[in-house]
Amino acid sequence: SGTAITLAEGILQHLSRKRGWVNTHAEGDLLGIESVREGDVPGIHEVR
């Protein structure tokens, strides 16, 4: 989602150990963003 990308950009701007994001599970120097599409969910965003 656009919201998730904005959150990811906020993290990458301040967390030097991450150089980019990918739309899947990731470790190392990539930030993983898991996208789930189900039912009629208006929107849930979680940073862990």
ModelCIF file with pLDDT and N, C-alpha, C, O atoms, coordinates in Angstrom:
data_MODEL
#
_entry.id   MODEL 
#
_entity.id                         1 
_entity.type                       polymer 
_entity.pdbx_number_of_molecules   1 
#
_entity_poly.entity_id                      1 
_entity_poly.type                           'polypeptide(L)' 
_entity_poly.nstd_linkage                   no 
_entity_poly.nstd_monomer                   no 
_entity_poly.pdbx_seq_one_letter_code       SGTAITLAEGILQHLSRKRGWVNTHAEGDLLGIESVREGDVPGIHEVR 
_entity_poly.pdbx_seq_one_letter_code_can   SGTAITLAEGILQHLSRKRGWVNTHAEGDLLGIESVREGDVPGIHEVR 
_entity_poly.pdbx_strand_id                 A 
#
loop_
_entity_poly_seq.entity_id 
_entity_poly_seq.num 
_entity_poly_seq.mon_id 
_entity_poly_seq.hetero 
1 1  SER n 
1 2  GLY n 
1 3  THR n 
1 4  ALA n 
1 5  ILE n 
1 6  THR n 
1 7  LEU n 
1 8  ALA n 
1 9  GLU n 
1 10 GLY n 
1 11 ILE n 
1 12 LEU n 
1 13 GLN n 
1 14 HIS n 
1 15 LEU n 
1 16 SER n 
1 17 ARG n 
1 18 LYS n 
1 19 ARG n 
1 20 GLY n 
1 21 TRP n 
1 22 VAL n 
1 23 ASN n 
1 24 THR n 
1 25 HIS n 
1 26 ALA n 
1 27 GLU n 
1 28 GLY n 
1 29 ASP n 
1 30 LEU n 
1 31 LEU n 
1 32 GLY n 
1 33 ILE n 
1 34 GLU n 
1 35 SER n 
1 36 VAL n 
1 37 ARG n 
1 38 GLU n 
1 39 GLY n 
1 40 ASP n 
1 41 VAL n 
1 42 PRO n 
1 43 GLY n 
1 44 ILE n 
1 45 HIS n 
1 46 GLU n 
1 47 VAL n 
1 48 ARG n 
#
_struct_asym.id          A 
_struct_asym.entity_id   1 
#
loop_
_ma_qa_metric.id 
_ma_qa_metric.mode 
_ma_qa_metric.name 
_ma_qa_metric.software_group_id 
_ma_qa_metric.type 
1 global pLDDT . pLDDT 
2 local  pLDDT . pLDDT 
#
_ma_qa_metric_global.metric_id      1 
_ma_qa_metric_global.metric_value   95.42 
_ma_qa_metric_global.model_id       1 
_ma_qa_metric_global.ordinal_id     1 
#
loop_
_ma_qa_metric_local.label_asym_id 
_ma_qa_metric_local.label_comp_id 
_ma_qa_metric_local.label_seq_id 
_ma_qa_metric_local.metric_id 
_ma_qa_metric_local.metric_value 
_ma_qa_metric_local.model_id 
_ma_qa_metric_local.ordinal_id 
A SER 1  2 93.00 1 1  
A GLY 2  2 89.00 1 2  
A THR 3  2 92.00 1 3  
A ALA 4  2 96.00 1 4  
A ILE 5  2 95.00 1 5  
A THR 6  2 93.00 1 6  
A LEU 7  2 97.00 1 7  
A ALA 8  2 98.00 1 8  
A GLU 9  2 97.00 1 9  
A GLY 10 2 97.00 1 10 
A ILE 11 2 98.00 1 11 
A LEU 12 2 98.00 1 12 
A GLN 13 2 97.00 1 13 
A HIS 14 2 97.00 1 14 
A LEU 15 2 97.00 1 15 
A SER 16 2 97.00 1 16 
A ARG 17 2 97.00 1 17 
A LYS 18 2 97.00 1 18 
A ARG 19 2 97.00 1 19 
A GLY 20 2 97.00 1 20 
A TRP 21 2 98.00 1 21 
A VAL 22 2 97.00 1 22 
A ASN 23 2 96.00 1 23 
A THR 24 2 94.00 1 24 
A HIS 25 2 91.00 1 25 
A ALA 26 2 90.00 1 26 
A GLU 27 2 85.00 1 27 
A GLY 28 2 93.00 1 28 
A ASP 29 2 96.00 1 29 
A LEU 30 2 97.00 1 30 
A LEU 31 2 98.00 1 31 
A GLY 32 2 97.00 1 32 
A ILE 33 2 98.00 1 33 
A GLU 34 2 97.00 1 34 
A SER 35 2 97.00 1 35 
A VAL 36 2 97.00 1 36 
A ARG 37 2 96.00 1 37 
A GLU 38 2 95.00 1 38 
A GLY 39 2 94.00 1 39 
A ASP 40 2 91.00 1 40 
A VAL 41 2 93.00 1 41 
A PRO 42 2 91.00 1 42 
A GLY 43 2 93.00 1 43 
A ILE 44 2 96.00 1 44 
A HIS 45 2 97.00 1 45 
A GLU 46 2 98.00 1 46 
A VAL 47 2 98.00 1 47 
A ARG 48 2 98.00 1 48 
#
loop_
_atom_site.group_PDB 
_atom_site.id 
_atom_site.type_symbol 
_atom_site.label_atom_id 
_atom_site.label_alt_id 
_atom_site.label_comp_id 
_atom_site.label_asym_id 
_atom_site.label_entity_id 
_atom_site.label_seq_id 
_atom_site.pdbx_PDB_ins_code 
_atom_site.Cartn_x 
_atom_site.Cartn_y 
_atom_site.Cartn_z 
_atom_site.occupancy 
_atom_site.B_iso_or_equiv 
_atom_site.pdbx_formal_charge 
_atom_site.auth_seq_id 
_atom_site.auth_comp_id 
_atom_site.auth_asym_id 
_atom_site.auth_atom_id 
_atom_site.pdbx_PDB_model_num 
ATOM 1   N N  . SER A 1 1  ? 0.832   -1.195  0.000  1.00 93.00 ? 1  SER A N  1 
ATOM 2   C CA . SER A 1 1  ? 0.000   0.000   0.000  1.00 93.00 ? 1  SER A CA 1 
ATOM 3   C C  . SER A 1 1  ? 0.873   1.254   0.000  1.00 93.00 ? 1  SER A C  1 
ATOM 4   O O  . SER A 1 1  ? 2.039   1.218   0.393  1.00 93.00 ? 1  SER A O  1 
ATOM 5   N N  . GLY A 1 2  ? 0.285   2.356   -0.447 1.00 89.00 ? 2  GLY A N  1 
ATOM 6   C CA . GLY A 1 2  ? 1.014   3.622   -0.401 1.00 89.00 ? 2  GLY A CA 1 
ATOM 7   C C  . GLY A 1 2  ? 1.392   4.001   1.014  1.00 89.00 ? 2  GLY A C  1 
ATOM 8   O O  . GLY A 1 2  ? 2.457   4.572   1.249  1.00 89.00 ? 2  GLY A O  1 
ATOM 9   N N  . THR A 1 3  ? 0.523   3.684   1.957  1.00 92.00 ? 3  THR A N  1 
ATOM 10  C CA . THR A 1 3  ? 0.817   3.960   3.365  1.00 92.00 ? 3  THR A CA 1 
ATOM 11  C C  . THR A 1 3  ? 2.025   3.162   3.838  1.00 92.00 ? 3  THR A C  1 
ATOM 12  O O  . THR A 1 3  ? 2.883   3.684   4.549  1.00 92.00 ? 3  THR A O  1 
ATOM 13  N N  . ALA A 1 4  ? 2.087   1.893   3.440  1.00 96.00 ? 4  ALA A N  1 
ATOM 14  C CA . ALA A 1 4  ? 3.222   1.056   3.821  1.00 96.00 ? 4  ALA A CA 1 
ATOM 15  C C  . ALA A 1 4  ? 4.525   1.585   3.229  1.00 96.00 ? 4  ALA A C  1 
ATOM 16  O O  . ALA A 1 4  ? 5.566   1.563   3.885  1.00 96.00 ? 4  ALA A O  1 
ATOM 17  N N  . ILE A 1 5  ? 4.461   2.058   1.993  1.00 95.00 ? 5  ILE A N  1 
ATOM 18  C CA . ILE A 1 5  ? 5.656   2.620   1.360  1.00 95.00 ? 5  ILE A CA 1 
ATOM 19  C C  . ILE A 1 5  ? 6.118   3.866   2.105  1.00 95.00 ? 5  ILE A C  1 
ATOM 20  O O  . ILE A 1 5  ? 7.315   4.052   2.322  1.00 95.00 ? 5  ILE A O  1 
ATOM 21  N N  . THR A 1 6  ? 5.173   4.722   2.499  1.00 93.00 ? 6  THR A N  1 
ATOM 22  C CA . THR A 1 6  ? 5.532   5.919   3.268  1.00 93.00 ? 6  THR A CA 1 
ATOM 23  C C  . THR A 1 6  ? 6.170   5.539   4.598  1.00 93.00 ? 6  THR A C  1 
ATOM 24  O O  . THR A 1 6  ? 7.156   6.149   5.011  1.00 93.00 ? 6  THR A O  1 
ATOM 25  N N  . LEU A 1 7  ? 5.613   4.533   5.271  1.00 97.00 ? 7  LEU A N  1 
ATOM 26  C CA . LEU A 1 7  ? 6.218   4.059   6.518  1.00 97.00 ? 7  LEU A CA 1 
ATOM 27  C C  . LEU A 1 7  ? 7.621   3.521   6.271  1.00 97.00 ? 7  LEU A C  1 
ATOM 28  O O  . LEU A 1 7  ? 8.543   3.804   7.035  1.00 97.00 ? 7  LEU A O  1 
ATOM 29  N N  . ALA A 1 8  ? 7.782   2.741   5.198  1.00 98.00 ? 8  ALA A N  1 
ATOM 30  C CA . ALA A 1 8  ? 9.092   2.185   4.875  1.00 98.00 ? 8  ALA A CA 1 
ATOM 31  C C  . ALA A 1 8  ? 10.100  3.293   4.596  1.00 98.00 ? 8  ALA A C  1 
ATOM 32  O O  . ALA A 1 8  ? 11.248  3.216   5.034  1.00 98.00 ? 8  ALA A O  1 
ATOM 33  N N  . GLU A 1 9  ? 9.678   4.318   3.872  1.00 97.00 ? 9  GLU A N  1 
ATOM 34  C CA . GLU A 1 9  ? 10.581  5.438   3.581  1.00 97.00 ? 9  GLU A CA 1 
ATOM 35  C C  . GLU A 1 9  ? 10.997  6.151   4.861  1.00 97.00 ? 9  GLU A C  1 
ATOM 36  O O  . GLU A 1 9  ? 12.137  6.601   4.980  1.00 97.00 ? 9  GLU A O  1 
ATOM 37  N N  . GLY A 1 10 ? 10.077  6.257   5.822  1.00 97.00 ? 10 GLY A N  1 
ATOM 38  C CA . GLY A 1 10 ? 10.409  6.874   7.104  1.00 97.00 ? 10 GLY A CA 1 
ATOM 39  C C  . GLY A 1 10 ? 11.440  6.071   7.865  1.00 97.00 ? 10 GLY A C  1 
ATOM 40  O O  . GLY A 1 10 ? 12.298  6.634   8.545  1.00 97.00 ? 10 GLY A O  1 
ATOM 41  N N  . ILE A 1 11 ? 11.357  4.755   7.751  1.00 98.00 ? 11 ILE A N  1 
ATOM 42  C CA . ILE A 1 11 ? 12.344  3.893   8.408  1.00 98.00 ? 11 ILE A CA 1 
ATOM 43  C C  . ILE A 1 11 ? 13.697  3.994   7.715  1.00 98.00 ? 11 ILE A C  1 
ATOM 44  O O  . ILE A 1 11 ? 14.726  4.155   8.370  1.00 98.00 ? 11 ILE A O  1 
ATOM 45  N N  . LEU A 1 12 ? 13.691  3.898   6.384  1.00 98.00 ? 12 LEU A N  1 
ATOM 46  C CA . LEU A 1 12 ? 14.947  3.910   5.628  1.00 98.00 ? 12 LEU A CA 1 
ATOM 47  C C  . LEU A 1 12 ? 15.699  5.225   5.775  1.00 98.00 ? 12 LEU A C  1 
ATOM 48  O O  . LEU A 1 12 ? 16.927  5.257   5.694  1.00 98.00 ? 12 LEU A O  1 
ATOM 49  N N  . GLN A 1 13 ? 14.969  6.296   5.987  1.00 97.00 ? 13 GLN A N  1 
ATOM 50  C CA . GLN A 1 13 ? 15.599  7.601   6.151  1.00 97.00 ? 13 GLN A CA 1 
ATOM 51  C C  . GLN A 1 13 ? 16.439  7.683   7.420  1.00 97.00 ? 13 GLN A C  1 
ATOM 52  O O  . GLN A 1 13 ? 17.391  8.460   7.488  1.00 97.00 ? 13 GLN A O  1 
ATOM 53  N N  . HIS A 1 14 ? 16.087  6.878   8.429  1.00 97.00 ? 14 HIS A N  1 
ATOM 54  C CA . HIS A 1 14 ? 16.745  7.004   9.735  1.00 97.00 ? 14 HIS A CA 1 
ATOM 55  C C  . HIS A 1 14 ? 17.462  5.730   10.195 1.00 97.00 ? 14 HIS A C  1 
ATOM 56  O O  . HIS A 1 14 ? 18.192  5.760   11.185 1.00 97.00 ? 14 HIS A O  1 
ATOM 57  N N  . LEU A 1 15 ? 17.265  4.626   9.496  1.00 97.00 ? 15 LEU A N  1 
ATOM 58  C CA . LEU A 1 15 ? 17.863  3.357   9.924  1.00 97.00 ? 15 LEU A CA 1 
ATOM 59  C C  . LEU A 1 15 ? 18.910  2.941   8.888  1.00 97.00 ? 15 LEU A C  1 
ATOM 60  O O  . LEU A 1 15 ? 18.567  2.375   7.849  1.00 97.00 ? 15 LEU A O  1 
ATOM 61  N N  . SER A 1 16 ? 20.168  3.217   9.167  1.00 97.00 ? 16 SER A N  1 
ATOM 62  C CA . SER A 1 16 ? 21.227  3.040   8.163  1.00 97.00 ? 16 SER A CA 1 
ATOM 63  C C  . SER A 1 16 ? 21.478  1.576   7.812  1.00 97.00 ? 16 SER A C  1 
ATOM 64  O O  . SER A 1 16 ? 22.039  1.290   6.754  1.00 97.00 ? 16 SER A O  1 
ATOM 65  N N  . ARG A 1 17 ? 21.076  0.648   8.671  1.00 97.00 ? 17 ARG A N  1 
ATOM 66  C CA . ARG A 1 17 ? 21.331  -0.759  8.378  1.00 97.00 ? 17 ARG A CA 1 
ATOM 67  C C  . ARG A 1 17 ? 20.388  -1.337  7.324  1.00 97.00 ? 17 ARG A C  1 
ATOM 68  O O  . ARG A 1 17 ? 20.537  -2.492  6.925  1.00 97.00 ? 17 ARG A O  1 
ATOM 69  N N  . LYS A 1 18 ? 19.420  -0.540  6.873  1.00 97.00 ? 18 LYS A N  1 
ATOM 70  C CA . LYS A 1 18 ? 18.522  -0.962  5.801  1.00 97.00 ? 18 LYS A CA 1 
ATOM 71  C C  . LYS A 1 18 ? 18.731  -0.070  4.583  1.00 97.00 ? 18 LYS A C  1 
ATOM 72  O O  . LYS A 1 18 ? 18.703  1.156   4.691  1.00 97.00 ? 18 LYS A O  1 
ATOM 73  N N  . ARG A 1 19 ? 18.942  -0.689  3.422  1.00 97.00 ? 19 ARG A N  1 
ATOM 74  C CA . ARG A 1 19 ? 19.218  0.087   2.206  1.00 97.00 ? 19 ARG A CA 1 
ATOM 75  C C  . ARG A 1 19 ? 18.023  0.155   1.260  1.00 97.00 ? 19 ARG A C  1 
ATOM 76  O O  . ARG A 1 19 ? 18.066  0.887   0.271  1.00 97.00 ? 19 ARG A O  1 
ATOM 77  N N  . GLY A 1 20 ? 16.982  -0.575  1.538  1.00 97.00 ? 20 GLY A N  1 
ATOM 78  C CA . GLY A 1 20 ? 15.812  -0.574  0.673  1.00 97.00 ? 20 GLY A CA 1 
ATOM 79  C C  . GLY A 1 20 ? 14.755  -1.517  1.211  1.00 97.00 ? 20 GLY A C  1 
ATOM 80  O O  . GLY A 1 20 ? 14.969  -2.201  2.212  1.00 97.00 ? 20 GLY A O  1 
ATOM 81  N N  . TRP A 1 21 ? 13.578  -1.550  0.521  1.00 98.00 ? 21 TRP A N  1 
ATOM 82  C CA . TRP A 1 21 ? 12.514  -2.444  0.954  1.00 98.00 ? 21 TRP A CA 1 
ATOM 83  C C  . TRP A 1 21 ? 12.131  -3.393  -0.180 1.00 98.00 ? 21 TRP A C  1 
ATOM 84  O O  . TRP A 1 21 ? 12.350  -3.099  -1.355 1.00 98.00 ? 21 TRP A O  1 
ATOM 85  N N  . VAL A 1 22 ? 11.561  -4.526  0.191  1.00 97.00 ? 22 VAL A N  1 
ATOM 86  C CA . VAL A 1 22 ? 11.032  -5.488  -0.775 1.00 97.00 ? 22 VAL A CA 1 
ATOM 87  C C  . VAL A 1 22 ? 9.661   -5.935  -0.284 1.00 97.00 ? 22 VAL A C  1 
ATOM 88  O O  . VAL A 1 22 ? 9.394   -5.951  0.918  1.00 97.00 ? 22 VAL A O  1 
ATOM 89  N N  . ASN A 1 23 ? 8.806   -6.295  -1.215 1.00 96.00 ? 23 ASN A N  1 
ATOM 90  C CA . ASN A 1 23 ? 7.441   -6.682  -0.880 1.00 96.00 ? 23 ASN A CA 1 
ATOM 91  C C  . ASN A 1 23 ? 7.355   -8.179  -0.591 1.00 96.00 ? 23 ASN A C  1 
ATOM 92  O O  . ASN A 1 23 ? 6.624   -8.919  -1.248 1.00 96.00 ? 23 ASN A O  1 
ATOM 93  N N  . THR A 1 24 ? 8.116   -8.595  0.400  1.00 94.00 ? 24 THR A N  1 
ATOM 94  C CA . THR A 1 24 ? 8.137   -9.982  0.837  1.00 94.00 ? 24 THR A CA 1 
ATOM 95  C C  . THR A 1 24 ? 8.894   -10.036 2.156  1.00 94.00 ? 24 THR A C  1 
ATOM 96  O O  . THR A 1 24 ? 9.397   -9.013  2.621  1.00 94.00 ? 24 THR A O  1 
ATOM 97  N N  . HIS A 1 25 ? 8.982   -11.203 2.756  1.00 91.00 ? 25 HIS A N  1 
ATOM 98  C CA . HIS A 1 25 ? 9.787   -11.349 3.972  1.00 91.00 ? 25 HIS A CA 1 
ATOM 99  C C  . HIS A 1 25 ? 11.254  -11.128 3.624  1.00 91.00 ? 25 HIS A C  1 
ATOM 100 O O  . HIS A 1 25 ? 11.727  -11.617 2.598  1.00 91.00 ? 25 HIS A O  1 
ATOM 101 N N  . ALA A 1 26 ? 11.974  -10.401 4.462  1.00 90.00 ? 26 ALA A N  1 
ATOM 102 C CA . ALA A 1 26 ? 13.382  -10.136 4.195  1.00 90.00 ? 26 ALA A CA 1 
ATOM 103 C C  . ALA A 1 26 ? 14.127  -9.917  5.492  1.00 90.00 ? 26 ALA A C  1 
ATOM 104 O O  . ALA A 1 26 ? 13.541  -9.555  6.512  1.00 90.00 ? 26 ALA A O  1 
ATOM 105 N N  . GLU A 1 27 ? 15.429  -10.141 5.437  1.00 85.00 ? 27 GLU A N  1 
ATOM 106 C CA . GLU A 1 27 ? 16.322  -9.849  6.545  1.00 85.00 ? 27 GLU A CA 1 
ATOM 107 C C  . GLU A 1 27 ? 17.577  -9.209  5.964  1.00 85.00 ? 27 GLU A C  1 
ATOM 108 O O  . GLU A 1 27 ? 17.613  -8.883  4.778  1.00 85.00 ? 27 GLU A O  1 
ATOM 109 N N  . GLY A 1 28 ? 18.594  -9.029  6.779  1.00 93.00 ? 28 GLY A N  1 
ATOM 110 C CA . GLY A 1 28 ? 19.805  -8.398  6.290  1.00 93.00 ? 28 GLY A CA 1 
ATOM 111 C C  . GLY A 1 28 ? 19.583  -6.919  6.081  1.00 93.00 ? 28 GLY A C  1 
ATOM 112 O O  . GLY A 1 28 ? 19.017  -6.244  6.941  1.00 93.00 ? 28 GLY A O  1 
ATOM 113 N N  . ASP A 1 29 ? 20.033  -6.400  4.923  1.00 96.00 ? 29 ASP A N  1 
ATOM 114 C CA . ASP A 1 29 ? 19.949  -4.957  4.698  1.00 96.00 ? 29 ASP A CA 1 
ATOM 115 C C  . ASP A 1 29 ? 18.696  -4.533  3.936  1.00 96.00 ? 29 ASP A C  1 
ATOM 116 O O  . ASP A 1 29 ? 18.610  -3.394  3.478  1.00 96.00 ? 29 ASP A O  1 
ATOM 117 N N  . LEU A 1 30 ? 17.731  -5.431  3.796  1.00 97.00 ? 30 LEU A N  1 
ATOM 118 C CA . LEU A 1 30 ? 16.465  -5.096  3.157  1.00 97.00 ? 30 LEU A CA 1 
ATOM 119 C C  . LEU A 1 30 ? 15.321  -5.163  4.161  1.00 97.00 ? 30 LEU A C  1 
ATOM 120 O O  . LEU A 1 30 ? 15.261  -6.066  4.996  1.00 97.00 ? 30 LEU A O  1 
ATOM 121 N N  . LEU A 1 31 ? 14.424  -4.203  4.068  1.00 98.00 ? 31 LEU A N  1 
ATOM 122 C CA . LEU A 1 31 ? 13.238  -4.149  4.921  1.00 98.00 ? 31 LEU A CA 1 
ATOM 123 C C  . LEU A 1 31 ? 12.110  -4.904  4.232  1.00 98.00 ? 31 LEU A C  1 
ATOM 124 O O  . LEU A 1 31 ? 11.714  -4.556  3.119  1.00 98.00 ? 31 LEU A O  1 
ATOM 125 N N  . GLY A 1 32 ? 11.596  -5.926  4.885  1.00 97.00 ? 32 GLY A N  1 
ATOM 126 C CA . GLY A 1 32 ? 10.520  -6.709  4.307  1.00 97.00 ? 32 GLY A CA 1 
ATOM 127 C C  . GLY A 1 32 ? 9.149   -6.140  4.627  1.00 97.00 ? 32 GLY A C  1 
ATOM 128 O O  . GLY A 1 32 ? 8.864   -5.792  5.773  1.00 97.00 ? 32 GLY A O  1 
ATOM 129 N N  . ILE A 1 33 ? 8.296   -6.046  3.601  1.00 98.00 ? 33 ILE A N  1 
ATOM 130 C CA . ILE A 1 33 ? 6.910   -5.613  3.770  1.00 98.00 ? 33 ILE A CA 1 
ATOM 131 C C  . ILE A 1 33 ? 6.004   -6.743  3.292  1.00 98.00 ? 33 ILE A C  1 
ATOM 132 O O  . ILE A 1 33 ? 5.984   -7.076  2.107  1.00 98.00 ? 33 ILE A O  1 
ATOM 133 N N  . GLU A 1 34 ? 5.263   -7.322  4.213  1.00 97.00 ? 34 GLU A N  1 
ATOM 134 C CA . GLU A 1 34 ? 4.318   -8.377  3.860  1.00 97.00 ? 34 GLU A CA 1 
ATOM 135 C C  . GLU A 1 34 ? 2.963   -7.740  3.537  1.00 97.00 ? 34 GLU A C  1 
ATOM 136 O O  . GLU A 1 34 ? 2.427   -6.976  4.340  1.00 97.00 ? 34 GLU A O  1 
ATOM 137 N N  . SER A 1 35 ? 2.414   -8.052  2.371  1.00 97.00 ? 35 SER A N  1 
ATOM 138 C CA . SER A 1 35 ? 1.108   -7.539  1.962  1.00 97.00 ? 35 SER A CA 1 
ATOM 139 C C  . SER A 1 35 ? 0.097   -8.676  1.966  1.00 97.00 ? 35 SER A C  1 
ATOM 140 O O  . SER A 1 35 ? 0.312   -9.720  1.349  1.00 97.00 ? 35 SER A O  1 
ATOM 141 N N  . VAL A 1 36 ? -1.004  -8.460  2.667  1.00 97.00 ? 36 VAL A N  1 
ATOM 142 C CA . VAL A 1 36 ? -2.078  -9.453  2.752  1.00 97.00 ? 36 VAL A CA 1 
ATOM 143 C C  . VAL A 1 36 ? -3.350  -8.814  2.211  1.00 97.00 ? 36 VAL A C  1 
ATOM 144 O O  . VAL A 1 36 ? -3.664  -7.673  2.549  1.00 97.00 ? 36 VAL A O  1 
ATOM 145 N N  . ARG A 1 37 ? -4.082  -9.543  1.373  1.00 96.00 ? 37 ARG A N  1 
ATOM 146 C CA . ARG A 1 37 ? -5.356  -9.072  0.834  1.00 96.00 ? 37 ARG A CA 1 
ATOM 147 C C  . ARG A 1 37 ? -6.444  -10.064 1.234  1.00 96.00 ? 37 ARG A C  1 
ATOM 148 O O  . ARG A 1 37 ? -6.444  -11.218 0.803  1.00 96.00 ? 37 ARG A O  1 
ATOM 149 N N  . GLU A 1 38 ? -7.372  -9.591  2.066  1.00 95.00 ? 38 GLU A N  1 
ATOM 150 C CA . GLU A 1 38 ? -8.410  -10.492 2.546  1.00 95.00 ? 38 GLU A CA 1 
ATOM 151 C C  . GLU A 1 38 ? -9.673  -9.720  2.905  1.00 95.00 ? 38 GLU A C  1 
ATOM 152 O O  . GLU A 1 38 ? -9.600  -8.608  3.427  1.00 95.00 ? 38 GLU A O  1 
ATOM 153 N N  . GLY A 1 39 ? -10.811 -10.300 2.630  1.00 94.00 ? 39 GLY A N  1 
ATOM 154 C CA . GLY A 1 39 ? -12.098 -9.768  3.047  1.00 94.00 ? 39 GLY A CA 1 
ATOM 155 C C  . GLY A 1 39 ? -12.323 -8.322  2.653  1.00 94.00 ? 39 GLY A C  1 
ATOM 156 O O  . GLY A 1 39 ? -12.020 -7.909  1.534  1.00 94.00 ? 39 GLY A O  1 
ATOM 157 N N  . ASP A 1 40 ? -12.867 -7.554  3.603  1.00 91.00 ? 40 ASP A N  1 
ATOM 158 C CA . ASP A 1 40 ? -13.184 -6.144  3.372  1.00 91.00 ? 40 ASP A CA 1 
ATOM 159 C C  . ASP A 1 40 ? -12.430 -5.264  4.366  1.00 91.00 ? 40 ASP A C  1 
ATOM 160 O O  . ASP A 1 40 ? -12.965 -4.261  4.838  1.00 91.00 ? 40 ASP A O  1 
ATOM 161 N N  . VAL A 1 41 ? -11.206 -5.631  4.680  1.00 93.00 ? 41 VAL A N  1 
ATOM 162 C CA . VAL A 1 41 ? -10.396 -4.918  5.671  1.00 93.00 ? 41 VAL A CA 1 
ATOM 163 C C  . VAL A 1 41 ? -10.066 -3.518  5.154  1.00 93.00 ? 41 VAL A C  1 
ATOM 164 O O  . VAL A 1 41 ? -9.458  -3.397  4.090  1.00 93.00 ? 41 VAL A O  1 
ATOM 165 N N  . PRO A 1 42 ? -10.448 -2.453  5.873  1.00 91.00 ? 42 PRO A N  1 
ATOM 166 C CA . PRO A 1 42 ? -10.157 -1.084  5.411  1.00 91.00 ? 42 PRO A CA 1 
ATOM 167 C C  . PRO A 1 42 ? -8.666  -0.761  5.394  1.00 91.00 ? 42 PRO A C  1 
ATOM 168 O O  . PRO A 1 42 ? -8.195  -0.014  4.537  1.00 91.00 ? 42 PRO A O  1 
ATOM 169 N N  . GLY A 1 43 ? -7.925  -1.333  6.353  1.00 93.00 ? 43 GLY A N  1 
ATOM 170 C CA . GLY A 1 43 ? -6.490  -1.087  6.366  1.00 93.00 ? 43 GLY A CA 1 
ATOM 171 C C  . GLY A 1 43 ? -5.872  -1.310  7.736  1.00 93.00 ? 43 GLY A C  1 
ATOM 172 O O  . GLY A 1 43 ? -6.310  -0.726  8.727  1.00 93.00 ? 43 GLY A O  1 
ATOM 173 N N  . ILE A 1 44 ? -4.856  -2.153  7.786  1.00 96.00 ? 44 ILE A N  1 
ATOM 174 C CA . ILE A 1 44 ? -4.075  -2.386  9.002  1.00 96.00 ? 44 ILE A CA 1 
ATOM 175 C C  . ILE A 1 44 ? -2.605  -2.256  8.622  1.00 96.00 ? 44 ILE A C  1 
ATOM 176 O O  . ILE A 1 44 ? -2.159  -2.863  7.648  1.00 96.00 ? 44 ILE A O  1 
ATOM 177 N N  . HIS A 1 45 ? -1.852  -1.470  9.382  1.00 97.00 ? 45 HIS A N  1 
ATOM 178 C CA . HIS A 1 45 ? -0.419  -1.312  9.142  1.00 97.00 ? 45 HIS A CA 1 
ATOM 179 C C  . HIS A 1 45 ? 0.331   -1.537  10.439 1.00 97.00 ? 45 HIS A C  1 
ATOM 180 O O  . HIS A 1 45 ? -0.038  -1.011  11.489 1.00 97.00 ? 45 HIS A O  1 
ATOM 181 N N  . GLU A 1 46 ? 1.386   -2.323  10.350 1.00 98.00 ? 46 GLU A N  1 
ATOM 182 C CA . GLU A 1 46 ? 2.121   -2.721  11.547 1.00 98.00 ? 46 GLU A CA 1 
ATOM 183 C C  . GLU A 1 46 ? 3.620   -2.665  11.277 1.00 98.00 ? 46 GLU A C  1 
ATOM 184 O O  . GLU A 1 46 ? 4.102   -3.186  10.271 1.00 98.00 ? 46 GLU A O  1 
ATOM 185 N N  . VAL A 1 47 ? 4.343   -2.033  12.179 1.00 98.00 ? 47 VAL A N  1 
ATOM 186 C CA . VAL A 1 47 ? 5.807   -2.004  12.148 1.00 98.00 ? 47 VAL A CA 1 
ATOM 187 C C  . VAL A 1 47 ? 6.297   -2.754  13.377 1.00 98.00 ? 47 VAL A C  1 
ATOM 188 O O  . VAL A 1 47 ? 5.851   -2.491  14.494 1.00 98.00 ? 47 VAL A O  1 
ATOM 189 N N  . ARG A 1 48 ? 7.225   -3.697  13.162 1.00 98.00 ? 48 ARG A N  1 
ATOM 190 C CA . ARG A 1 48 ? 7.672   -4.571  14.243 1.00 98.00 ? 48 ARG A CA 1 
ATOM 191 C C  . ARG A 1 48 ? 9.196   -4.484  14.393 1.00 98.00 ? 48 ARG A C  1 
ATOM 192 O O  . ARG A 1 48 ? 9.770   -5.150  15.255 1.00 98.00 ? 48 ARG A O  1 
#
